[in-house]
Amino acid sequence: MSQIEHDSPIKTPKQLITVVALAFLVPIVIIVLLSQFVANIRSVDKDSPAMSHEAVAKRLKPVGEVAFAEVGSAPARADRAGEEIYNSVCSACHAAGAAGAPKFGDKGDWAPRLKKGQKLLVEAAIAGVGKMMPPRGGNADLSDLELERAVVVMANSAGANFAQTGQPAAATPAKSAAPAPTISDGKKIYEAGCIACHGSGVAGAPKAGDKAAWAPRLKAGVDAVYASALKGKGAMPAKGGNAALADAEVKAAVDYLLGLAR
């Protein structure tokens, strides 16, 4: 039987030595490389700024955040001009000088008051003056700035030269027809102006809700009360001193007052 010959890649002693050497060196090199790789990872974990608590927290932060707005909060109301406050509130007494109120434009009435200066006059308007004038003219919604503007308008009408603080531009009246005022509107009109006299019964004005004071007026009839409110009567000027009110608005305020006395 013939012998089967096997070819081997190792044909010389030098080749054999090379293979044996590589068999030892290759595993050692792989182990060294792996050790350096692990050491580098540990070094990054410890020393790199990218692995600091702040950097990690920043990377983990959600992409978006949910913000909750307060429900039902109303936008801030802009302070109104002095002329508007005077017409809607102060004129109820100051237009005709009711209950000793210094009359608009009357230098004699205002002279002793002007001597006190702007600051003291504004403080008096805010706090009220005895039983004659309620705090803030009877309208608690008025801001200090609005009161100051109205005081300046009245004082300057009588010859003062008080400084006006940031008067806003006068509002342009709406041209479209407004719906007929309701009892609810009448209440707002009362609280904005009529309350200055009718809230406490100043100068003989029938006090709101006082059935005895309103009884003879109810007996005279609604139309008679309307006429008095529109044209004025005694110490009360026409339309309560607020000429800007429409007839329907005056009647709505009257309806509200009569409803309180029934």
C-alpha atoms as a PDB file:
ATOM      1  CA  MET A   1       0.000   0.000   0.000  1.00  0.00           C
ATOM      2  CA  SER A   2       1.385   3.373  -0.983  1.00  0.00           C
ATOM      3  CA  GLN A   3       1.887   6.102   1.711  1.00  0.00           C
ATOM      4  CA  ILE A   4      -0.365   9.195   1.591  1.00  0.00           C
ATOM      5  CA  GLU A   5       1.638  12.382   1.746  1.00  0.00           C
ATOM      6  CA  HIS A   6       0.318  15.430   3.752  1.00  0.00           C
ATOM      7  CA  ASP A   7       1.413  18.985   2.840  1.00  0.00           C
ATOM      8  CA  SER A   8       2.182  21.224   5.836  1.00  0.00           C
ATOM      9  CA  PRO A   9       2.598  25.023   5.733  1.00  0.00           C
ATOM     10  CA  ILE A  10       5.504  24.631   8.195  1.00  0.00           C
ATOM     11  CA  LYS A  11       8.366  23.315   6.191  1.00  0.00           C
ATOM     12  CA  THR A  12      11.361  24.728   8.024  1.00  0.00           C
ATOM     13  CA  PRO A  13      12.446  25.086  11.683  1.00  0.00           C
ATOM     14  CA  LYS A  14      12.320  28.912  11.340  1.00  0.00           C
ATOM     15  CA  GLN A  15       8.668  28.831  10.326  1.00  0.00           C
ATOM     16  CA  LEU A  16       7.897  26.592  13.308  1.00  0.00           C
ATOM     17  CA  ILE A  17       9.560  29.030  15.716  1.00  0.00           C
ATOM     18  CA  THR A  18       7.576  31.936  14.195  1.00  0.00           C
ATOM     19  CA  VAL A  19       4.223  30.165  14.621  1.00  0.00           C
ATOM     20  CA  VAL A  20       4.982  29.220  18.218  1.00  0.00           C
ATOM     21  CA  ALA A  21       5.995  32.806  19.026  1.00  0.00           C
ATOM     22  CA  LEU A  22       2.803  34.253  17.493  1.00  0.00           C
ATOM     23  CA  ALA A  23       0.704  31.773  19.445  1.00  0.00           C
ATOM     24  CA  PHE A  24       2.023  33.371  22.656  1.00  0.00           C
ATOM     25  CA  LEU A  25       2.218  37.019  21.578  1.00  0.00           C
ATOM     26  CA  VAL A  26      -1.253  37.481  19.972  1.00  0.00           C
ATOM     27  CA  PRO A  27      -3.277  36.599  23.135  1.00  0.00           C
ATOM     28  CA  ILE A  28      -0.979  38.822  25.227  1.00  0.00           C
ATOM     29  CA  VAL A  29      -1.498  41.806  22.863  1.00  0.00           C
ATOM     30  CA  ILE A  30      -5.296  41.287  22.902  1.00  0.00           C
ATOM     31  CA  ILE A  31      -5.299  41.197  26.723  1.00  0.00           C
ATOM     32  CA  VAL A  32      -3.246  44.422  26.917  1.00  0.00           C
ATOM     33  CA  LEU A  33      -5.554  46.232  24.477  1.00  0.00           C
ATOM     34  CA  LEU A  34      -8.644  45.151  26.405  1.00  0.00           C
ATOM     35  CA  SER A  35      -7.100  46.381  29.655  1.00  0.00           C
ATOM     36  CA  GLN A  36      -6.380  49.813  28.147  1.00  0.00           C
ATOM     37  CA  PHE A  37      -9.923  50.035  26.768  1.00  0.00           C
ATOM     38  CA  VAL A  38     -11.454  49.332  30.190  1.00  0.00           C
ATOM     39  CA  ALA A  39      -9.075  51.807  31.835  1.00  0.00           C
ATOM     40  CA  ASN A  40     -10.120  54.513  29.370  1.00  0.00           C
ATOM     41  CA  ILE A  41     -13.811  53.908  30.118  1.00  0.00           C
ATOM     42  CA  ARG A  42     -13.169  54.269  33.850  1.00  0.00           C
ATOM     43  CA  SER A  43     -11.180  57.442  33.265  1.00  0.00           C
ATOM     44  CA  VAL A  44     -14.070  58.974  31.312  1.00  0.00           C
ATOM     45  CA  ASP A  45     -16.534  58.014  34.032  1.00  0.00           C
ATOM     46  CA  LYS A  46     -14.434  59.727  36.647  1.00  0.00           C
ATOM     47  CA  ASP A  47     -12.831  62.760  35.060  1.00  0.00           C
ATOM     48  CA  SER A  48     -14.734  63.816  31.941  1.00  0.00           C
ATOM     49  CA  PRO A  49     -17.015  66.927  32.242  1.00  0.00           C
ATOM     50  CA  ALA A  50     -19.440  65.085  30.002  1.00  0.00           C
ATOM     51  CA  MET A  51     -20.063  62.639  32.852  1.00  0.00           C
ATOM     52  CA  SER A  52     -20.658  65.284  35.568  1.00  0.00           C
ATOM     53  CA  HIS A  53     -24.004  65.279  37.425  1.00  0.00           C
ATOM     54  CA  GLU A  54     -25.064  68.495  35.697  1.00  0.00           C
ATOM     55  CA  ALA A  55     -24.205  67.232  32.218  1.00  0.00           C
ATOM     56  CA  VAL A  56     -25.953  63.915  32.765  1.00  0.00           C
ATOM     57  CA  ALA A  57     -29.051  65.661  34.188  1.00  0.00           C
ATOM     58  CA  LYS A  58     -29.130  67.987  31.188  1.00  0.00           C
ATOM     59  CA  ARG A  59     -29.032  65.041  28.777  1.00  0.00           C
ATOM     60  CA  LEU A  60     -31.796  63.293  30.705  1.00  0.00           C
ATOM     61  CA  LYS A  61     -34.026  66.415  30.805  1.00  0.00           C
ATOM     62  CA  PRO A  62     -37.293  65.978  28.835  1.00  0.00           C
ATOM     63  CA  VAL A  63     -37.474  67.688  25.471  1.00  0.00           C
ATOM     64  CA  GLY A  64     -40.633  69.589  26.411  1.00  0.00           C
ATOM     65  CA  GLU A  65     -42.212  70.839  29.634  1.00  0.00           C
ATOM     66  CA  VAL A  66     -45.860  71.353  30.484  1.00  0.00           C
ATOM     67  CA  ALA A  67     -46.831  74.734  31.960  1.00  0.00           C
ATOM     68  CA  PHE A  68     -50.178  75.325  33.678  1.00  0.00           C
ATOM     69  CA  ALA A  69     -51.722  78.789  33.371  1.00  0.00           C
ATOM     70  CA  GLU A  70     -54.027  80.169  36.058  1.00  0.00           C
ATOM     71  CA  VAL A  71     -57.628  79.748  34.991  1.00  0.00           C
ATOM     72  CA  GLY A  72     -60.064  82.634  35.274  1.00  0.00           C
ATOM     73  CA  SER A  73     -57.545  85.396  35.904  1.00  0.00           C
ATOM     74  CA  ALA A  74     -58.720  88.612  34.342  1.00  0.00           C
ATOM     75  CA  PRO A  75     -56.394  90.965  32.531  1.00  0.00           C
ATOM     76  CA  ALA A  76     -55.412  94.107  34.380  1.00  0.00           C
ATOM     77  CA  ARG A  77     -57.703  97.093  33.713  1.00  0.00           C
ATOM     78  CA  ALA A  78     -56.040 100.253  32.417  1.00  0.00           C
ATOM     79  CA  ASP A  79     -56.475 103.354  34.557  1.00  0.00           C
ATOM     80  CA  ARG A  80     -58.959 105.786  33.012  1.00  0.00           C
ATOM     81  CA  ALA A  81     -58.565 109.469  32.277  1.00  0.00           C
ATOM     82  CA  GLY A  82     -59.503 112.112  34.853  1.00  0.00           C
ATOM     83  CA  GLU A  83     -62.278 113.584  32.681  1.00  0.00           C
ATOM     84  CA  GLU A  84     -63.907 110.158  32.397  1.00  0.00           C
ATOM     85  CA  ILE A  85     -63.790 109.584  36.156  1.00  0.00           C
ATOM     86  CA  TYR A  86     -65.197 113.048  36.835  1.00  0.00           C
ATOM     87  CA  ASN A  87     -68.081 112.572  34.371  1.00  0.00           C
ATOM     88  CA  SER A  88     -68.994 109.084  35.569  1.00  0.00           C
ATOM     89  CA  VAL A  89     -68.498 109.494  39.341  1.00  0.00           C
ATOM     90  CA  CYS A  90     -67.503 112.899  40.731  1.00  0.00           C
ATOM     91  CA  SER A  91     -69.957 115.027  38.734  1.00  0.00           C
ATOM     92  CA  ALA A  92     -72.865 113.521  40.692  1.00  0.00           C
ATOM     93  CA  CYS A  93     -72.019 115.952  43.511  1.00  0.00           C
ATOM     94  CA  HIS A  94     -69.387 118.338  42.172  1.00  0.00           C
ATOM     95  CA  ALA A  95     -71.325 119.442  39.063  1.00  0.00           C
ATOM     96  CA  ALA A  96     -73.962 121.224  41.169  1.00  0.00           C
ATOM     97  CA  GLY A  97     -72.094 121.438  44.499  1.00  0.00           C
ATOM     98  CA  ALA A  98     -74.404 119.010  46.253  1.00  0.00           C
ATOM     99  CA  ALA A  99     -73.975 118.543  50.023  1.00  0.00           C
ATOM    100  CA  GLY A 100     -71.247 121.163  50.220  1.00  0.00           C
ATOM    101  CA  ALA A 101     -69.047 119.602  47.564  1.00  0.00           C
ATOM    102  CA  PRO A 102     -66.867 122.251  45.868  1.00  0.00           C
ATOM    103  CA  LYS A 103     -68.561 122.995  42.556  1.00  0.00           C
ATOM    104  CA  PHE A 104     -66.690 122.278  39.353  1.00  0.00           C
ATOM    105  CA  GLY A 105     -64.992 125.455  38.102  1.00  0.00           C
ATOM    106  CA  ASP A 106     -65.983 127.532  41.151  1.00  0.00           C
ATOM    107  CA  LYS A 107     -62.769 129.269  42.270  1.00  0.00           C
ATOM    108  CA  GLY A 108     -64.355 130.470  45.518  1.00  0.00           C
ATOM    109  CA  ASP A 109     -65.331 126.931  46.539  1.00  0.00           C
ATOM    110  CA  TRP A 110     -61.946 125.482  45.651  1.00  0.00           C
ATOM    111  CA  ALA A 111     -59.644 128.243  46.931  1.00  0.00           C
ATOM    112  CA  PRO A 112     -59.212 126.973  50.534  1.00  0.00           C
ATOM    113  CA  ARG A 113     -58.821 123.432  49.284  1.00  0.00           C
ATOM    114  CA  LEU A 114     -56.199 124.293  46.690  1.00  0.00           C
ATOM    115  CA  LYS A 115     -54.028 125.783  49.441  1.00  0.00           C
ATOM    116  CA  LYS A 116     -53.637 122.280  50.907  1.00  0.00           C
ATOM    117  CA  GLY A 117     -51.879 121.105  47.765  1.00  0.00           C
ATOM    118  CA  GLN A 118     -52.341 118.236  45.378  1.00  0.00           C
ATOM    119  CA  LYS A 119     -51.112 115.462  47.676  1.00  0.00           C
ATOM    120  CA  LEU A 120     -53.481 116.248  50.567  1.00  0.00           C
ATOM    121  CA  LEU A 121     -56.463 116.692  48.228  1.00  0.00           C
ATOM    122  CA  VAL A 122     -55.823 113.280  46.671  1.00  0.00           C
ATOM    123  CA  GLU A 123     -55.452 111.669  50.109  1.00  0.00           C
ATOM    124  CA  ALA A 124     -58.783 113.219  51.161  1.00  0.00           C
ATOM    125  CA  ALA A 125     -60.475 111.858  48.028  1.00  0.00           C
ATOM    126  CA  ILE A 126     -59.147 108.383  48.783  1.00  0.00           C
ATOM    127  CA  ALA A 127     -60.075 108.391  52.477  1.00  0.00           C
ATOM    128  CA  GLY A 128     -63.324 110.384  52.195  1.00  0.00           C
ATOM    129  CA  VAL A 129     -64.374 113.572  53.992  1.00  0.00           C
ATOM    130  CA  GLY A 130     -66.652 112.973  56.970  1.00  0.00           C
ATOM    131  CA  LYS A 131     -70.262 112.255  56.022  1.00  0.00           C
ATOM    132  CA  MET A 132     -70.138 114.616  53.081  1.00  0.00           C
ATOM    133  CA  MET A 133     -68.010 112.494  50.732  1.00  0.00           C
ATOM    134  CA  PRO A 134     -67.541 108.715  50.961  1.00  0.00           C
ATOM    135  CA  PRO A 135     -64.097 107.165  50.341  1.00  0.00           C
ATOM    136  CA  ARG A 136     -63.173 107.161  46.655  1.00  0.00           C
ATOM    137  CA  GLY A 137     -66.330 109.094  45.850  1.00  0.00           C
ATOM    138  CA  GLY A 138     -68.411 106.026  46.708  1.00  0.00           C
ATOM    139  CA  ASN A 139     -66.773 103.877  44.006  1.00  0.00           C
ATOM    140  CA  ALA A 140     -64.382 101.398  45.612  1.00  0.00           C
ATOM    141  CA  ASP A 141     -63.202 100.200  42.191  1.00  0.00           C
ATOM    142  CA  LEU A 142     -61.395 103.463  41.452  1.00  0.00           C
ATOM    143  CA  SER A 143     -57.618 103.237  41.657  1.00  0.00           C
ATOM    144  CA  ASP A 144     -55.496 105.847  43.430  1.00  0.00           C
ATOM    145  CA  LEU A 145     -54.222 107.046  40.063  1.00  0.00           C
ATOM    146  CA  GLU A 146     -57.742 107.463  38.678  1.00  0.00           C
ATOM    147  CA  LEU A 147     -58.769 109.484  41.740  1.00  0.00           C
ATOM    148  CA  GLU A 148     -55.693 111.675  41.450  1.00  0.00           C
ATOM    149  CA  ARG A 149     -56.436 112.359  37.786  1.00  0.00           C
ATOM    150  CA  ALA A 150     -60.034 113.330  38.597  1.00  0.00           C
ATOM    151  CA  VAL A 151     -58.909 115.599  41.472  1.00  0.00           C
ATOM    152  CA  VAL A 152     -56.440 117.327  39.154  1.00  0.00           C
ATOM    153  CA  VAL A 153     -59.157 117.894  36.532  1.00  0.00           C
ATOM    154  CA  MET A 154     -61.481 119.484  39.116  1.00  0.00           C
ATOM    155  CA  ALA A 155     -58.753 121.520  40.828  1.00  0.00           C
ATOM    156  CA  ASN A 156     -57.376 122.844  37.541  1.00  0.00           C
ATOM    157  CA  SER A 157     -60.877 123.845  36.470  1.00  0.00           C
ATOM    158  CA  ALA A 158     -60.836 126.250  39.418  1.00  0.00           C
ATOM    159  CA  GLY A 159     -57.469 127.802  38.642  1.00  0.00           C
ATOM    160  CA  ALA A 160     -54.951 125.320  40.021  1.00  0.00           C
ATOM    161  CA  ASN A 161     -51.950 124.203  38.030  1.00  0.00           C
ATOM    162  CA  PHE A 162     -51.575 120.684  39.350  1.00  0.00           C
ATOM    163  CA  ALA A 163     -49.524 118.162  37.405  1.00  0.00           C
ATOM    164  CA  GLN A 164     -51.489 115.465  35.650  1.00  0.00           C
ATOM    165  CA  THR A 165     -49.993 111.974  35.860  1.00  0.00           C
ATOM    166  CA  GLY A 166     -49.907 110.067  32.585  1.00  0.00           C
ATOM    167  CA  GLN A 167     -53.298 110.948  31.165  1.00  0.00           C
ATOM    168  CA  PRO A 168     -54.339 108.277  28.640  1.00  0.00           C
ATOM    169  CA  ALA A 169     -55.840 109.258  25.325  1.00  0.00           C
ATOM    170  CA  ALA A 170     -59.584 109.840  25.490  1.00  0.00           C
ATOM    171  CA  ALA A 171     -61.537 106.829  24.339  1.00  0.00           C
ATOM    172  CA  THR A 172     -63.322 107.118  21.016  1.00  0.00           C
ATOM    173  CA  PRO A 173     -67.072 106.587  21.538  1.00  0.00           C
ATOM    174  CA  ALA A 174     -68.519 103.613  19.733  1.00  0.00           C
ATOM    175  CA  LYS A 175     -70.710 104.470  16.778  1.00  0.00           C
ATOM    176  CA  SER A 176     -72.691 101.253  16.689  1.00  0.00           C
ATOM    177  CA  ALA A 177     -76.024 101.185  18.488  1.00  0.00           C
ATOM    178  CA  ALA A 178     -75.804  99.588  21.909  1.00  0.00           C
ATOM    179  CA  PRO A 179     -78.464  97.189  23.230  1.00  0.00           C
ATOM    180  CA  ALA A 180     -81.050  98.586  25.644  1.00  0.00           C
ATOM    181  CA  PRO A 181     -79.712  98.748  29.228  1.00  0.00           C
ATOM    182  CA  THR A 182     -80.990  96.121  31.654  1.00  0.00           C
ATOM    183  CA  ILE A 183     -81.512  96.112  35.408  1.00  0.00           C
ATOM    184  CA  SER A 184     -78.010  94.663  35.679  1.00  0.00           C
ATOM    185  CA  ASP A 185     -76.686  97.626  33.702  1.00  0.00           C
ATOM    186  CA  GLY A 186     -78.670  99.942  35.978  1.00  0.00           C
ATOM    187  CA  LYS A 187     -76.880  98.477  38.986  1.00  0.00           C
ATOM    188  CA  LYS A 188     -73.500  99.180  37.374  1.00  0.00           C
ATOM    189  CA  ILE A 189     -74.517 102.758  36.566  1.00  0.00           C
ATOM    190  CA  TYR A 190     -75.721 103.226  40.149  1.00  0.00           C
ATOM    191  CA  GLU A 191     -72.453 101.860  41.574  1.00  0.00           C
ATOM    192  CA  ALA A 192     -70.378 104.011  39.216  1.00  0.00           C
ATOM    193  CA  GLY A 193     -72.029 107.339  40.064  1.00  0.00           C
ATOM    194  CA  CYS A 194     -75.403 107.433  41.813  1.00  0.00           C
ATOM    195  CA  ILE A 195     -74.052 105.703  44.903  1.00  0.00           C
ATOM    196  CA  ALA A 196     -72.117 108.864  45.796  1.00  0.00           C
ATOM    197  CA  CYS A 197     -75.379 110.458  47.003  1.00  0.00           C
ATOM    198  CA  HIS A 198     -77.944 107.653  47.147  1.00  0.00           C
ATOM    199  CA  GLY A 199     -75.580 105.270  48.978  1.00  0.00           C
ATOM    200  CA  SER A 200     -75.702 107.341  52.172  1.00  0.00           C
ATOM    201  CA  GLY A 201     -78.588 109.731  51.473  1.00  0.00           C
ATOM    202  CA  VAL A 202     -76.425 112.819  50.893  1.00  0.00           C
ATOM    203  CA  ALA A 203     -78.275 116.165  50.488  1.00  0.00           C
ATOM    204  CA  GLY A 204     -81.669 114.589  50.997  1.00  0.00           C
ATOM    205  CA  ALA A 205     -81.245 111.988  48.249  1.00  0.00           C
ATOM    206  CA  PRO A 206     -83.427 108.949  48.996  1.00  0.00           C
ATOM    207  CA  LYS A 207     -81.082 106.274  50.281  1.00  0.00           C
ATOM    208  CA  ALA A 208     -80.876 103.068  48.243  1.00  0.00           C
ATOM    209  CA  GLY A 209     -83.177 100.422  49.726  1.00  0.00           C
ATOM    210  CA  ASP A 210     -84.901 102.858  52.118  1.00  0.00           C
ATOM    211  CA  LYS A 211     -88.573 102.040  51.472  1.00  0.00           C
ATOM    212  CA  ALA A 212     -89.874 104.944  53.538  1.00  0.00           C
ATOM    213  CA  ALA A 213     -87.774 107.462  51.612  1.00  0.00           C
ATOM    214  CA  TRP A 214     -88.830 106.033  48.256  1.00  0.00           C
ATOM    215  CA  ALA A 215     -92.531 105.540  49.088  1.00  0.00           C
ATOM    216  CA  PRO A 216     -93.743 109.004  47.940  1.00  0.00           C
ATOM    217  CA  ARG A 217     -91.690 108.692  44.753  1.00  0.00           C
ATOM    218  CA  LEU A 218     -93.159 105.277  43.982  1.00  0.00           C
ATOM    219  CA  LYS A 219     -96.594 106.750  44.574  1.00  0.00           C
ATOM    220  CA  ALA A 220     -95.889 109.519  42.049  1.00  0.00           C
ATOM    221  CA  GLY A 221     -95.192 106.902  39.396  1.00  0.00           C
ATOM    222  CA  VAL A 222     -92.176 105.686  37.468  1.00  0.00           C
ATOM    223  CA  ASP A 223     -92.479 108.338  34.738  1.00  0.00           C
ATOM    224  CA  ALA A 224     -92.264 111.121  37.320  1.00  0.00           C
ATOM    225  CA  VAL A 225     -89.123 109.596  38.819  1.00  0.00           C
ATOM    226  CA  TYR A 226     -87.636 109.235  35.332  1.00  0.00           C
ATOM    227  CA  ALA A 227     -88.316 112.913  34.651  1.00  0.00           C
ATOM    228  CA  SER A 228     -86.664 114.015  37.906  1.00  0.00           C
ATOM    229  CA  ALA A 229     -83.593 111.902  37.220  1.00  0.00           C
ATOM    230  CA  LEU A 230     -83.258 113.121  33.633  1.00  0.00           C
ATOM    231  CA  LYS A 231     -83.915 116.825  34.238  1.00  0.00           C
ATOM    232  CA  GLY A 232     -82.645 117.111  37.797  1.00  0.00           C
ATOM    233  CA  LYS A 233     -84.472 118.009  40.967  1.00  0.00           C
ATOM    234  CA  GLY A 234     -83.390 120.081  43.952  1.00  0.00           C
ATOM    235  CA  ALA A 235     -79.765 119.315  44.819  1.00  0.00           C
ATOM    236  CA  MET A 236     -79.548 116.600  42.171  1.00  0.00           C
ATOM    237  CA  PRO A 237     -78.293 117.786  38.752  1.00  0.00           C
ATOM    238  CA  ALA A 238     -79.693 116.431  35.492  1.00  0.00           C
ATOM    239  CA  LYS A 239     -78.662 112.806  34.945  1.00  0.00           C
ATOM    240  CA  GLY A 240     -76.948 112.834  38.309  1.00  0.00           C
ATOM    241  CA  GLY A 241     -74.360 115.225  36.934  1.00  0.00           C
ATOM    242  CA  ASN A 242     -73.164 112.796  34.247  1.00  0.00           C
ATOM    243  CA  ALA A 243     -74.289 114.285  30.935  1.00  0.00           C
ATOM    244  CA  ALA A 244     -72.573 111.427  29.093  1.00  0.00           C
ATOM    245  CA  LEU A 245     -75.278 108.978  30.243  1.00  0.00           C
ATOM    246  CA  ALA A 246     -77.974 108.119  27.726  1.00  0.00           C
ATOM    247  CA  ASP A 247     -81.601 108.544  28.808  1.00  0.00           C
ATOM    248  CA  ALA A 248     -82.022 104.765  28.734  1.00  0.00           C
ATOM    249  CA  GLU A 249     -79.064 104.343  31.092  1.00  0.00           C
ATOM    250  CA  VAL A 250     -80.471 106.847  33.566  1.00  0.00           C
ATOM    251  CA  LYS A 251     -83.818 105.030  33.471  1.00  0.00           C
ATOM    252  CA  ALA A 252     -82.057 101.700  34.039  1.00  0.00           C
ATOM    253  CA  ALA A 253     -80.402 103.109  37.173  1.00  0.00           C
ATOM    254  CA  VAL A 254     -83.801 104.425  38.352  1.00  0.00           C
ATOM    255  CA  ASP A 255     -85.365 100.994  37.760  1.00  0.00           C
ATOM    256  CA  TYR A 256     -82.617  99.425  39.855  1.00  0.00           C
ATOM    257  CA  LEU A 257     -83.166 101.879  42.745  1.00  0.00           C
ATOM    258  CA  LEU A 258     -86.949 101.477  42.606  1.00  0.00           C
ATOM    259  CA  GLY A 259     -86.538  97.711  42.643  1.00  0.00           C
ATOM    260  CA  LEU A 260     -84.548  97.939  45.897  1.00  0.00           C
ATOM    261  CA  ALA A 261     -87.365  99.971  47.507  1.00  0.00           C
ATOM    262  CA  ARG A 262     -90.272  97.751  46.491  1.00  0.00           C
END
